[in-house]
Protein backbone atom coordinates (compact mmCIF):
# COMPACT_ATOMS: atom_id res chain seq x y z
CA MET A 1 93.61 73.30 100.89
CA THR A 2 92.94 72.42 97.39
CA VAL A 3 94.86 74.94 95.15
CA ARG A 4 95.66 75.65 91.20
CA ARG A 5 99.03 76.87 89.80
CA VAL A 6 97.93 80.41 88.16
CA GLN A 7 100.67 82.20 86.02
CA SER A 8 100.68 85.55 87.06
CA ALA A 9 101.23 89.50 86.22
CA CYS A 10 103.03 89.14 90.19
CA ILE A 11 104.47 85.69 89.90
CA ALA A 12 103.00 82.15 89.59
CA LEU A 13 101.44 81.45 93.07
CA ALA A 14 99.02 78.98 94.77
CA VAL A 15 95.69 80.52 94.81
CA LEU A 16 92.25 79.36 96.37
CA ALA A 17 90.78 77.39 93.90
CA ALA A 18 87.09 77.92 94.19
CA PRO A 19 85.71 80.43 91.31
CA LEU A 20 84.82 83.84 93.23
CA ALA A 21 81.59 84.04 92.79
CA PHE A 22 79.49 85.52 95.80
CA THR A 23 76.13 85.66 96.98
CA SER A 24 73.66 87.51 99.18
CA HIS A 25 72.36 84.80 100.55
CA GLY A 26 73.08 84.34 104.42
CA ALA A 27 73.63 81.01 106.56
CA ALA A 28 70.38 79.69 108.48
CA GLN A 29 69.85 81.47 111.70
CA PRO A 30 69.30 79.39 114.93
CA ARG A 31 65.77 79.08 116.08
CA GLN A 32 64.42 79.04 119.20
CA ALA A 33 62.49 75.09 120.20
CA PRO A 34 59.15 75.96 119.78
CA PRO A 35 56.43 75.27 122.88
CA LEU A 36 55.09 72.51 121.36
CA PRO A 37 55.20 70.33 117.89
CA ARG A 38 53.56 71.61 114.91
CA ALA A 39 52.73 69.34 111.64
CA LEU A 40 54.67 69.69 109.08
CA GLU A 41 53.74 72.52 105.98
CA PRO A 42 54.54 71.74 102.49
CA GLY A 43 57.31 73.70 100.99
CA VAL A 44 58.25 75.69 104.50
CA PRO A 45 61.62 74.32 105.82
CA GLN A 46 61.42 72.21 109.37
CA VAL A 47 64.52 73.10 111.83
CA GLU A 48 64.64 71.34 115.06
CA PRO A 49 67.17 72.85 118.01
CA ALA A 50 69.82 70.67 119.21
CA PRO A 51 71.25 71.13 122.67
CA PHE A 52 74.64 72.84 123.32
CA GLY A 53 76.04 71.75 126.43
CA ASP A 54 72.67 72.71 128.59
CA GLU A 55 71.91 75.87 126.80
CA ALA A 56 68.84 75.56 124.88
CA THR A 57 70.61 77.41 121.95
CA PRO A 58 72.48 76.27 118.70
CA PRO A 59 73.61 73.99 117.21
CA TRP A 60 70.24 73.13 115.64
CA VAL A 61 69.82 70.37 112.85
CA ASP A 62 67.08 70.05 110.39
CA LEU A 63 64.16 68.13 111.40
CA GLY A 64 64.51 64.38 111.69
CA ASP A 65 68.43 64.64 111.14
CA VAL A 66 70.98 62.80 113.36
CA PRO A 67 71.31 65.60 116.34
CA VAL A 68 74.23 66.37 117.46
CA PRO A 69 76.59 64.99 120.00
CA ALA A 70 75.64 66.94 123.50
CA TRP A 71 79.19 67.32 124.16
CA ALA A 72 80.19 69.06 120.90
CA ARG A 73 81.51 72.46 121.67
CA SER A 74 83.18 73.32 118.68
CA VAL A 75 84.45 71.92 115.45
CA GLU A 76 88.37 71.31 114.48
CA PRO A 77 89.29 71.27 111.09
CA ASN A 78 91.27 68.10 110.47
CA ARG A 79 93.62 69.64 107.20
CA ALA A 80 95.37 72.65 106.82
CA ASP A 81 93.17 75.53 105.23
CA ALA A 82 90.05 73.72 104.83
CA ALA A 83 87.54 75.86 102.81
CA PHE A 84 84.29 77.48 104.16
CA TYR A 85 81.56 78.41 101.66
CA VAL A 86 78.94 80.73 101.76
CA GLU A 87 76.08 78.46 101.56
CA PRO A 88 75.99 74.92 102.19
CA GLY A 89 76.45 72.77 99.20
CA LYS A 90 76.74 75.91 96.99
CA LEU A 91 80.98 75.51 96.27
CA ASP A 92 80.99 78.19 93.79
CA GLY A 93 80.68 80.39 96.62
CA ARG A 94 84.17 80.15 98.63
CA ARG A 95 83.95 82.24 102.02
CA GLY A 96 87.39 81.45 103.39
CA SER A 97 89.57 79.04 104.91
CA ALA A 98 90.02 77.19 108.46
CA GLN A 99 93.35 77.30 110.34
CA LEU A 100 94.36 74.25 111.38
CA GLY A 101 94.63 73.72 114.95
CA ALA A 102 91.36 76.14 115.55
CA ARG A 103 88.21 75.16 117.30
CA LEU A 104 85.52 76.78 115.57
CA PRO A 105 82.19 78.03 117.22
CA LEU A 106 79.14 75.39 115.76
CA PHE A 107 75.81 77.15 115.33
CA GLY A 108 73.89 74.51 113.22
CA THR A 109 74.00 71.82 110.59
CA LYS A 110 72.61 71.44 107.44
CA ARG A 111 72.62 68.23 104.74
CA GLY A 112 73.66 69.54 101.12
CA ALA A 113 75.56 68.51 98.06
CA GLY A 114 79.14 68.68 98.18
CA CYS A 115 79.74 66.97 101.23
CA GLN A 116 79.36 63.51 102.49
CA GLY A 117 78.66 64.44 106.09
CA ARG A 118 76.85 67.34 106.93
CA TRP A 119 77.69 70.88 106.48
CA LEU A 120 78.81 72.81 109.91
CA GLU A 121 77.28 76.02 110.39
CA VAL A 122 80.54 77.91 112.05
CA GLY A 123 80.06 81.77 111.39
CA PRO A 124 78.49 84.53 109.41
CA PHE A 125 78.26 82.77 105.51
CA ALA A 126 80.62 80.36 106.84
CA TRP A 127 79.59 76.28 106.34
CA ILE A 128 82.60 74.03 106.25
CA CYS A 129 81.99 70.46 105.38
CA SER A 130 82.04 67.70 108.28
CA ASP A 131 84.48 65.56 105.88
CA VAL A 132 87.27 68.03 106.61
CA ALA A 133 85.64 68.53 109.79
CA ASP A 134 85.57 67.01 113.43
CA TYR A 135 83.11 67.67 116.58
CA SER A 136 85.32 68.78 119.37
CA ALA A 137 84.13 69.42 122.96
CA GLN A 138 86.41 71.89 123.96
CA ASP A 139 85.67 75.47 123.92
CA PRO A 140 85.99 77.32 120.71
CA SER A 141 89.55 78.75 120.46
CA SER A 142 92.54 79.44 117.73
CA PRO A 143 96.48 79.03 117.64
CA PRO A 144 97.95 82.49 117.13
CA LEU A 145 98.84 83.35 113.86
CA GLY A 146 102.23 82.41 112.92
CA SER A 147 105.26 81.48 115.46
CA ARG A 148 105.71 84.84 116.01
CA PRO A 149 102.02 86.06 116.49
CA TRP A 150 101.31 89.78 116.84
CA LEU A 151 99.90 90.32 120.08
CA ILE A 152 99.50 93.57 122.23
CA ASP A 153 98.30 92.75 125.74
CA GLY A 154 97.74 89.19 125.05
CA ALA A 155 95.18 90.34 121.80
CA ASP A 156 95.38 89.35 118.22
CA VAL A 157 95.70 92.57 116.59
CA ILE A 158 95.00 90.91 112.57
CA ARG A 159 91.81 89.04 114.31
CA PRO A 160 90.04 91.22 116.46
CA ARG A 161 87.07 89.40 118.46
CA ARG A 162 84.43 91.67 117.38
CA PRO A 163 84.13 92.73 113.44
CA GLY A 164 83.04 96.43 114.13
CA ALA A 165 86.20 96.67 116.72
CA ARG A 166 88.86 97.84 114.15
CA PRO A 167 90.89 101.20 115.32
CA LEU A 168 93.76 102.13 113.37
CA PRO A 169 96.44 99.60 114.41
CA PRO A 170 99.59 100.23 115.98
CA LEU A 171 103.12 100.61 113.26
CA GLU A 172 105.96 100.60 115.44
CA PRO A 173 107.45 97.14 116.67
CA THR A 174 105.76 95.38 120.00
CA SER A 175 109.18 94.27 120.64
CA PRO A 176 112.45 93.91 119.74
CA THR A 177 112.36 90.93 118.07
CA ASP A 178 109.54 92.30 116.27
CA ASP A 179 110.44 93.00 112.46
CA GLY A 180 106.75 92.30 111.28
CA LEU A 181 107.28 88.68 109.71
CA PRO A 182 105.20 86.19 111.49
CA TYR A 183 107.86 83.25 111.22
CA ARG A 184 111.85 83.16 110.74
CA TYR A 185 112.44 83.04 107.25
CA PHE A 186 115.41 81.57 105.94
CA PHE A 187 116.87 81.34 101.88
CA ALA A 188 118.90 78.08 100.10
CA GLY A 189 122.73 79.07 100.45
CA ALA A 190 125.12 78.76 97.66
CA SER A 191 125.19 75.13 97.48
CA GLY A 192 121.08 74.44 97.89
CA ALA A 193 119.11 72.49 100.35
CA TYR A 194 117.63 69.30 100.65
CA ALA A 195 114.17 68.92 102.30
CA PHE A 196 112.73 65.70 103.94
CA SER A 197 109.99 64.90 105.55
CA ASN A 198 111.12 62.30 107.71
CA LEU A 199 114.14 63.72 109.92
CA GLN A 200 115.22 59.94 111.98
CA ASN A 201 116.03 58.91 108.00
CA ALA A 202 116.96 62.41 106.60
CA LEU A 203 120.62 60.59 106.23
CA ASP A 204 119.78 57.73 104.51
CA ASP A 205 116.23 58.69 102.05
CA SER A 206 116.42 60.68 99.06
CA PRO A 207 115.24 64.37 99.69
CA ASP A 208 111.63 65.25 99.55
CA GLN A 209 112.38 68.45 98.22
CA GLU A 210 115.57 69.98 96.50
CA LEU A 211 115.74 73.98 96.84
CA GLU A 212 118.05 75.86 95.07
CA GLN A 213 120.15 79.15 95.99
CA GLY A 214 117.84 81.41 97.31
CA PHE A 215 114.85 80.06 97.31
CA ALA A 216 112.85 81.11 100.60
CA VAL A 217 111.01 78.72 103.32
CA ALA A 218 109.86 79.71 107.04
CA ILE A 219 110.92 77.84 109.75
CA VAL A 220 108.63 77.17 112.45
CA GLU A 221 110.96 74.70 114.94
CA GLU A 222 114.31 73.47 115.46
CA LYS A 223 115.88 70.41 116.92
CA ARG A 224 119.15 68.40 117.23
CA ALA A 225 119.94 65.37 115.31
CA HIS A 226 122.56 63.25 113.50
CA ASN A 227 124.71 65.51 115.23
CA GLU A 228 123.48 69.17 113.52
CA ALA A 229 120.67 71.39 113.94
CA TRP A 230 117.82 70.71 111.69
CA GLY A 231 114.92 73.81 110.85
CA ARG A 232 111.15 72.43 110.19
CA THR A 233 109.41 74.40 107.47
CA LYS A 234 105.81 74.83 107.81
CA LYS A 235 105.17 72.56 105.30
CA ASN A 236 106.61 70.14 107.87
CA ARG A 237 109.98 69.31 105.92
CA TRP A 238 113.21 69.09 108.05
CA VAL A 239 116.35 70.99 106.46
CA ALA A 240 119.81 71.45 107.68
CA MET A 241 120.01 74.43 109.47
CA ARG A 242 123.97 74.49 107.70
CA GLU A 243 122.08 74.83 104.58
CA LEU A 244 120.01 78.28 105.16
CA VAL A 245 120.44 81.89 105.32
CA PRO A 246 118.76 83.95 108.13
CA ALA A 247 116.45 86.67 106.08
CA ARG A 248 118.23 89.74 107.82
CA PRO A 249 115.16 91.77 109.80
CA PHE A 250 114.21 94.80 108.37
CA LEU A 251 112.51 97.52 110.63
CA PHE A 252 111.95 100.05 108.37
CA HIS A 253 108.13 101.31 108.48
CA GLY A 254 106.05 104.16 106.99
CA GLU A 255 104.50 106.78 109.21
CA LEU A 256 100.97 107.32 111.20
CA VAL A 257 99.58 110.32 109.45
CA ALA A 258 98.64 113.15 112.20
CA ALA A 259 95.77 115.34 111.90
CA GLY A 260 95.02 114.28 107.88
CA LYS A 261 98.66 116.13 107.10
CA LEU A 262 100.72 114.42 104.53
CA ASP A 263 103.87 115.95 104.19
CA VAL A 264 105.56 112.68 104.62
CA ALA A 265 108.65 112.13 102.35
CA TRP A 266 111.87 109.28 102.13
CA VAL A 267 114.93 109.50 101.13
CA THR A 268 115.09 106.78 97.89
CA ALA A 269 118.93 107.19 96.47
CA GLU A 270 121.70 105.92 97.92
CA LYS A 271 122.10 109.36 99.56
CA ALA A 272 120.71 112.74 98.98
CA SER A 273 122.84 115.98 98.98
CA VAL A 274 121.38 118.96 101.03
CA PHE A 275 121.65 122.34 100.04
CA ALA A 276 121.16 126.09 101.98
CA SER A 277 118.93 126.88 99.39
CA GLU A 278 116.53 125.90 96.37
CA LYS A 279 119.60 126.93 94.06
CA ALA A 280 121.43 123.72 95.11
CA ASP A 281 124.52 125.26 94.20
CA LYS A 282 126.72 123.55 97.22
CA ALA A 283 126.00 120.80 99.43
CA THR A 284 125.88 121.63 103.41
CA GLY A 285 125.04 117.80 104.21
CA THR A 286 123.36 114.48 102.95
CA ARG A 287 120.53 112.32 104.00
CA VAL A 288 120.81 108.93 103.71
CA ARG A 289 118.19 106.26 102.51
CA PHE A 290 115.09 105.56 103.81
CA GLU A 291 115.36 108.48 106.15
CA LYS A 292 112.23 110.04 106.32
CA LEU A 293 111.86 113.69 105.67
CA HIS A 294 108.77 116.40 106.35
CA VAL A 295 108.46 118.33 103.14
CA ARG A 296 107.69 122.46 103.71
CA GLU A 297 107.83 123.83 100.76
CA GLU A 298 108.06 123.12 96.70
CA LYS A 299 109.91 125.18 94.19
CA GLY A 300 110.82 124.78 90.61
CA THR A 301 109.39 122.45 88.18
CA GLY A 302 110.67 119.61 85.50
CA ASP A 303 113.50 117.53 86.85
CA LYS A 304 114.40 120.86 88.61
CA VAL A 305 111.89 120.89 91.97
CA MET A 306 113.42 121.10 95.52
CA LEU A 307 111.85 120.50 98.29
CA ARG A 308 112.53 122.17 101.53
CA VAL A 309 112.74 119.73 104.79
CA ASP A 310 114.19 121.73 107.26
CA ASP A 311 112.18 122.20 110.60
CA GLY A 312 112.25 126.21 110.64
CA THR A 313 115.65 126.62 111.92
CA THR A 314 118.83 126.17 109.67
CA PRO A 315 117.63 125.98 105.57
CA ALA A 316 117.93 122.22 104.02
CA TRP A 317 116.83 121.51 100.64
CA VAL A 318 117.01 118.16 98.61
CA ARG A 319 116.25 117.18 94.90
CA ALA A 320 112.41 115.93 94.87
CA ARG A 321 114.15 113.37 92.42
CA ASP A 322 115.75 112.09 95.30
CA VAL A 323 113.07 111.14 97.50
CA SER A 324 109.53 109.68 96.97
CA ARG A 325 106.74 111.90 98.19
CA ALA A 326 103.29 110.76 99.20
CA ARG A 327 100.76 113.33 97.84
CA LEU A 328 96.92 113.81 99.21
CA ALA A 329 94.50 112.12 96.68
CA GLN A 330 90.89 112.51 96.09
CA PRO A 331 88.71 109.21 96.75
CA PRO A 332 87.79 107.68 93.68
CA VAL A 333 83.92 107.40 92.99
CA GLU A 334 84.19 103.32 93.66
CA ALA A 335 85.08 104.64 97.57
CA GLY A 336 82.19 107.44 97.63
CA GLY A 337 84.04 110.28 95.67
CA ASP A 338 84.38 113.41 97.60
CA ALA A 339 81.73 112.13 100.45
CA ALA A 340 83.84 108.95 100.98
CA THR A 341 83.91 107.79 104.56
CA GLU A 342 85.43 104.32 103.91
CA ARG A 343 88.54 102.84 104.22
CA TRP A 344 90.43 103.14 100.88
CA VAL A 345 94.24 102.60 99.87
CA ASP A 346 95.96 104.57 97.07
CA VAL A 347 99.18 103.44 95.30
CA ASP A 348 101.24 105.92 93.08
CA LEU A 349 103.25 104.41 90.75
CA ASN A 350 105.57 107.46 90.11
CA GLN A 351 106.23 108.39 93.53
CA GLN A 352 106.54 104.25 94.76
CA THR A 353 104.11 105.49 97.56
CA ILE A 354 101.06 104.06 99.12
CA VAL A 355 98.46 106.41 101.40
CA ALA A 356 96.01 104.57 103.22
CA TYR A 357 92.71 106.41 103.97
CA GLU A 358 89.94 106.81 106.53
CA GLY A 359 87.41 108.46 103.74
CA THR A 360 89.18 111.55 102.68
CA LYS A 361 91.52 111.73 105.62
CA PRO A 362 94.87 110.11 105.06
CA VAL A 363 96.01 108.15 108.17
CA PHE A 364 99.10 106.28 106.85
CA ALA A 365 101.78 106.75 104.20
CA SER A 366 105.00 104.68 103.37
CA ILE A 367 107.19 103.72 100.41
CA VAL A 368 106.80 100.01 97.95
CA SER A 369 107.69 98.72 95.15
CA THR A 370 105.67 98.44 92.24
CA GLY A 371 105.94 95.90 88.90
CA LYS A 372 108.95 96.52 87.08
CA GLY A 373 107.57 96.06 83.58
CA PRO A 374 106.11 98.47 80.97
CA PRO A 375 102.09 99.71 80.66
CA LYS A 376 99.76 96.63 80.47
CA SER A 377 102.80 94.07 80.48
CA ASP A 378 102.97 90.89 82.24
CA PHE A 379 104.85 92.49 84.95
CA ALA A 380 103.31 95.81 85.75
CA THR A 381 101.14 96.63 88.39
CA PRO A 382 97.73 97.44 86.80
CA VAL A 383 96.66 100.88 86.45
CA GLY A 384 92.87 101.51 87.63
CA VAL A 385 90.35 100.77 90.78
CA HIS A 386 89.71 97.62 92.05
CA ARG A 387 88.93 95.86 95.41
CA ILE A 388 90.42 93.09 97.67
CA TRP A 389 89.19 90.24 96.24
CA VAL A 390 90.94 87.88 98.94
CA LYS A 391 92.80 87.92 102.00
CA ILE A 392 95.61 85.39 102.66
CA PHE A 393 97.71 85.00 105.97
CA THR A 394 100.62 83.46 103.94
CA THR A 395 100.87 81.82 100.50
CA LYS A 396 103.95 80.24 97.82
CA MET A 397 104.85 82.50 95.21
CA ASP A 398 107.28 80.83 92.52
CA ASN A 399 107.42 80.65 88.90
CA LEU A 400 109.02 77.09 88.73
CA GLU A 401 106.30 76.24 85.75
CA LYS A 402 107.79 78.90 83.56
CA GLU A 403 110.34 77.24 81.33
CA ASP A 404 111.66 80.88 79.88
CA VAL A 405 113.34 82.19 82.46
CA GLU A 406 116.40 82.99 83.04
CA LYS A 407 116.31 82.12 86.65
CA HIS A 408 113.52 80.03 88.75
CA TYR A 409 112.58 81.16 92.65
CA ALA A 410 110.45 79.69 95.05
CA LEU A 411 109.45 81.81 98.56
CA GLU A 412 107.06 79.41 100.38
CA ASP A 413 104.40 81.42 102.87
CA VAL A 414 104.58 84.94 101.88
CA PRO A 415 103.12 87.02 104.63
CA TRP A 416 100.07 89.31 103.99
CA VAL A 417 99.05 88.59 101.16
CA GLN A 418 95.61 90.65 99.62
CA PHE A 419 94.83 89.85 96.24
CA PHE A 420 93.18 92.95 94.40
CA ASP A 421 93.46 92.39 90.45
CA LYS A 422 93.25 88.76 89.90
CA ALA A 423 96.75 87.58 91.25
CA VAL A 424 97.94 90.49 92.04
CA ALA A 425 98.68 91.55 95.53
CA LEU A 426 99.70 93.89 98.27
CA HIS A 427 102.19 91.71 100.36
CA GLY A 428 104.88 91.75 102.42
CA ALA A 429 108.65 90.98 100.96
CA PHE A 430 111.81 90.13 103.14
CA TRP A 431 114.16 88.85 100.24
CA HIS A 432 114.69 93.09 99.11
CA ARG A 433 114.86 96.26 100.46
CA ASP A 434 114.04 98.00 97.23
CA PHE A 435 111.50 100.19 98.46
CA GLY A 436 110.98 103.25 96.88
CA HIS A 437 111.55 101.83 93.32
CA ILE A 438 109.98 99.53 90.79
CA HIS A 439 111.46 96.13 91.37
CA SER A 440 108.12 93.57 91.58
CA HIS A 441 106.55 91.11 88.81
CA GLY A 442 103.65 93.38 89.45
CA CYS A 443 102.31 92.91 92.84
CA VAL A 444 102.86 95.84 95.27
CA ASN A 445 105.77 94.84 97.65
CA LEU A 446 105.56 96.34 101.32
CA ALA A 447 107.98 96.20 104.06
CA PRO A 448 106.80 93.41 106.50
CA LEU A 449 105.95 95.57 109.37
CA ASP A 450 104.18 98.17 106.58
CA ALA A 451 102.30 95.28 105.03
CA ARG A 452 101.32 93.76 108.33
CA TRP A 453 99.62 97.21 109.38
CA LEU A 454 97.87 97.52 105.99
CA TYR A 455 96.70 93.90 106.43
CA ALA A 456 94.95 94.86 109.85
CA PHE A 457 93.57 98.04 108.40
CA THR A 458 91.83 96.82 105.22
CA SER A 459 88.50 94.46 104.91
CA PRO A 460 87.36 91.72 104.71
CA HIS A 461 88.88 91.25 108.44
CA LEU A 462 89.98 87.82 108.97
CA PRO A 463 88.05 85.91 111.88
CA ILE A 464 89.47 84.25 114.68
CA GLY A 465 90.41 80.66 113.48
CA TRP A 466 90.48 81.68 109.75
CA SER A 467 93.74 81.85 107.42
CA ALA A 468 91.84 83.35 104.40
CA VAL A 469 88.54 85.06 104.06
CA PHE A 470 86.66 86.54 100.98
CA PRO A 471 84.25 89.77 101.02
CA THR A 472 80.62 89.51 101.50
CA LYS A 473 78.17 92.28 100.53
CA GLY A 474 78.03 92.75 103.83
CA GLU A 475 81.66 93.15 104.06
CA LEU A 476 82.97 94.47 100.65
CA GLY A 477 86.69 94.24 99.76
CA THR A 478 88.77 97.52 100.56
CA VAL A 479 89.12 99.81 97.45
CA VAL A 480 92.64 99.72 96.11
CA ARG A 481 93.43 102.31 93.37
CA VAL A 482 96.75 102.22 91.42
CA ARG A 483 97.52 105.78 89.41
């Protein structure tokens, strides 16, 4: 995938290079073969169907063009993150990126600018250039997303087979090793780490990459060589495992809201004292960090607000300042206002919470970490109403191009990334556990299980065989309000 470097309010990252223009023009539709040939008519596009196996259906080709091979059943990208475009030859309308190893359905072909071969239609508003994809005799299919895919009963939860078939995804881990991360992540140790493209010559060659302490990589394969264990990163470089420290699993997640009753809060202080009454005169116990509470009553004002969190048996009150509490909010006009029916997301900077809605009904809530900078600064999360403008399975985030920083960092393959305001995104964070407090460089950090759930919840959906997707007029990006 062609990338350009962008200095982000969140962090410097690699983003899709094409401009963000979208059009409403659809991909050409397959046509049935006419019973008899007819004369060409000036100004009327002529389409000649080509065989698809034994079927009189797509793929079609322009009249007079070379037919698609009869054996071609699908299209296989030959490079990582090959680009899809909304229209053939219109390079200012990016549609998404292809997953390497996927075989995409083939509906038709068309000649156009920007492609030495021809454009191949592989989905709704989705064209890929044959320069970066090959015909395949195999049926359409896709490898899983990551080395630890999210599957339930063998089905991909992130990429439903039918775009409209998107019920609320489950939130709980699906196995004892499920922590919401699509790969196993590691950090370079105290002495850093060296990465090599050629494992066989790793002891003799100079390293192709030097990782400073704390730099993170996703490991997709391990093998033994030179009498020790080595790990292959998603970027196909080998690192000695003794130089890496594993990211610890973090199984915290938010809560699916039952019947629209939003009463949930989480302890975000190291510990929260529990009192028998709202007077907070003598502690009777404590609640620990990340413990979930249900708020039954609120009393007090200012910094003396107390919350009753008992189940109706033994009285239990906690200080509001020790918790982050999800609060009900009205949909913004952009999501439909009081008549809203679409899905949207609300980020509360004061409480450091996030709530997902279907119309006016809350369906999910959790705690987040937003930007640590003052309002309108480079490290602030921008207040306002936005729409997700691209969703990417994983992307690199770093600040390596900044020279005036105290410390550099680089995080490869950050998962579940949803950009909503320029280079500010919702995404999973595996490098800290400070949720419920400001922490980030502007992005909205979520625990991995929460980030994965939200990625499946929002639009546009990620189709099978894709690694990134842009919205269309038929499927807008989900509204994200930050307040």
